[in-house]
Amino acid sequence: MTNEGVYRILIDNFNYEDTRKAVSLIGGKCLTESSGGINENTIRKYAECGVDYISSGSLTHSVYNLDLSLKAI
């Protein structure tokens, strides 16, 4: 497999085993990123699959906003 200018491949919504296989198939020819269903409980297992980057939406999915503007003054 040649990368033909591909910088990074997103491995999205893969389980651990499939992520490990994908990283192996890519073989370091470009960077890899894993995302989809990754949270604080699963992040270590995905990191152990050998990906270069991990994205986790769970960091922002349950955050409540708070308006700290000074409009009321």
Protein backbone atom coordinates (compact mmCIF):
# COMPACT_ATOMS: atom_id res chain seq x y z
CA MET A 1 0.00 0.00 0.00
CA THR A 2 1.36 3.41 -0.94
CA ASN A 3 -0.03 6.52 0.65
CA GLU A 4 -0.11 8.72 -2.52
CA GLY A 5 -0.08 11.87 -0.41
CA VAL A 6 -2.48 10.67 2.28
CA TYR A 7 -1.48 12.36 5.54
CA ARG A 8 -3.78 10.67 8.07
CA ILE A 9 -6.42 7.93 7.96
CA LEU A 10 -9.42 8.16 10.29
CA ILE A 11 -10.42 4.81 11.75
CA ASP A 12 -13.96 5.62 12.85
CA ASN A 13 -16.32 3.42 14.88
CA PHE A 14 -14.05 0.36 14.78
CA ASN A 15 -13.84 -2.07 17.70
CA TYR A 16 -10.45 -2.84 19.29
CA GLU A 17 -9.65 -5.85 17.15
CA ASP A 18 -10.56 -4.14 13.87
CA THR A 19 -8.63 -1.02 14.90
CA ARG A 20 -5.55 -3.13 15.55
CA LYS A 21 -5.95 -4.82 12.14
CA ALA A 22 -6.38 -1.47 10.37
CA VAL A 23 -3.26 -0.04 12.01
CA SER A 24 -1.36 -3.15 10.95
CA LEU A 25 -2.60 -2.88 7.34
CA ILE A 26 -1.64 0.80 7.17
CA GLY A 27 1.77 -0.21 8.44
CA GLY A 28 3.07 3.23 9.35
CA LYS A 29 2.71 4.58 5.82
CA CYS A 30 0.69 7.49 7.21
CA LEU A 31 -0.68 8.65 10.54
CA THR A 32 -3.75 6.99 12.02
CA GLU A 33 -6.56 8.44 14.13
CA SER A 34 -9.25 6.54 16.00
CA SER A 35 -12.63 7.99 16.92
CA GLY A 36 -16.21 7.01 17.56
CA GLY A 37 -17.51 5.73 20.88
CA ILE A 38 -14.23 6.44 22.68
CA ASN A 39 -14.51 7.68 26.25
CA GLU A 40 -12.47 7.79 29.43
CA ASN A 41 -13.10 4.08 29.99
CA THR A 42 -12.01 2.90 26.54
CA ILE A 43 -9.28 5.35 25.56
CA ARG A 44 -6.40 3.23 26.90
CA LYS A 45 -7.51 0.15 24.93
CA TYR A 46 -7.63 2.20 21.71
CA ALA A 47 -4.23 3.70 22.45
CA GLU A 48 -2.86 0.18 22.89
CA CYS A 49 -4.05 -0.62 19.33
CA GLY A 50 -1.23 1.56 18.01
CA VAL A 51 -3.08 4.57 16.60
CA ASP A 52 -1.23 7.89 16.48
CA TYR A 53 -4.19 10.09 17.49
CA ILE A 54 -7.44 9.58 19.36
CA SER A 55 -10.53 11.80 19.15
CA SER A 56 -13.25 11.61 21.77
CA GLY A 57 -16.51 13.49 21.53
CA SER A 58 -17.48 12.35 25.02
CA LEU A 59 -15.42 15.25 26.35
CA THR A 60 -18.04 17.69 25.04
CA HIS A 61 -21.26 15.66 24.72
CA SER A 62 -22.35 16.09 28.34
CA VAL A 63 -21.00 19.56 29.07
CA TYR A 64 -23.48 22.21 30.18
CA ASN A 65 -22.92 25.76 29.05
CA LEU A 66 -22.91 28.81 31.29
CA ASP A 67 -23.27 32.34 29.97
CA LEU A 68 -20.59 34.41 31.66
CA SER A 69 -21.17 37.54 29.60
CA LEU A 70 -21.54 40.94 31.24
CA LYS A 71 -24.78 41.81 29.40
CA ALA A 72 -26.69 42.20 32.69
CA ILE A 73 -24.42 45.01 33.94
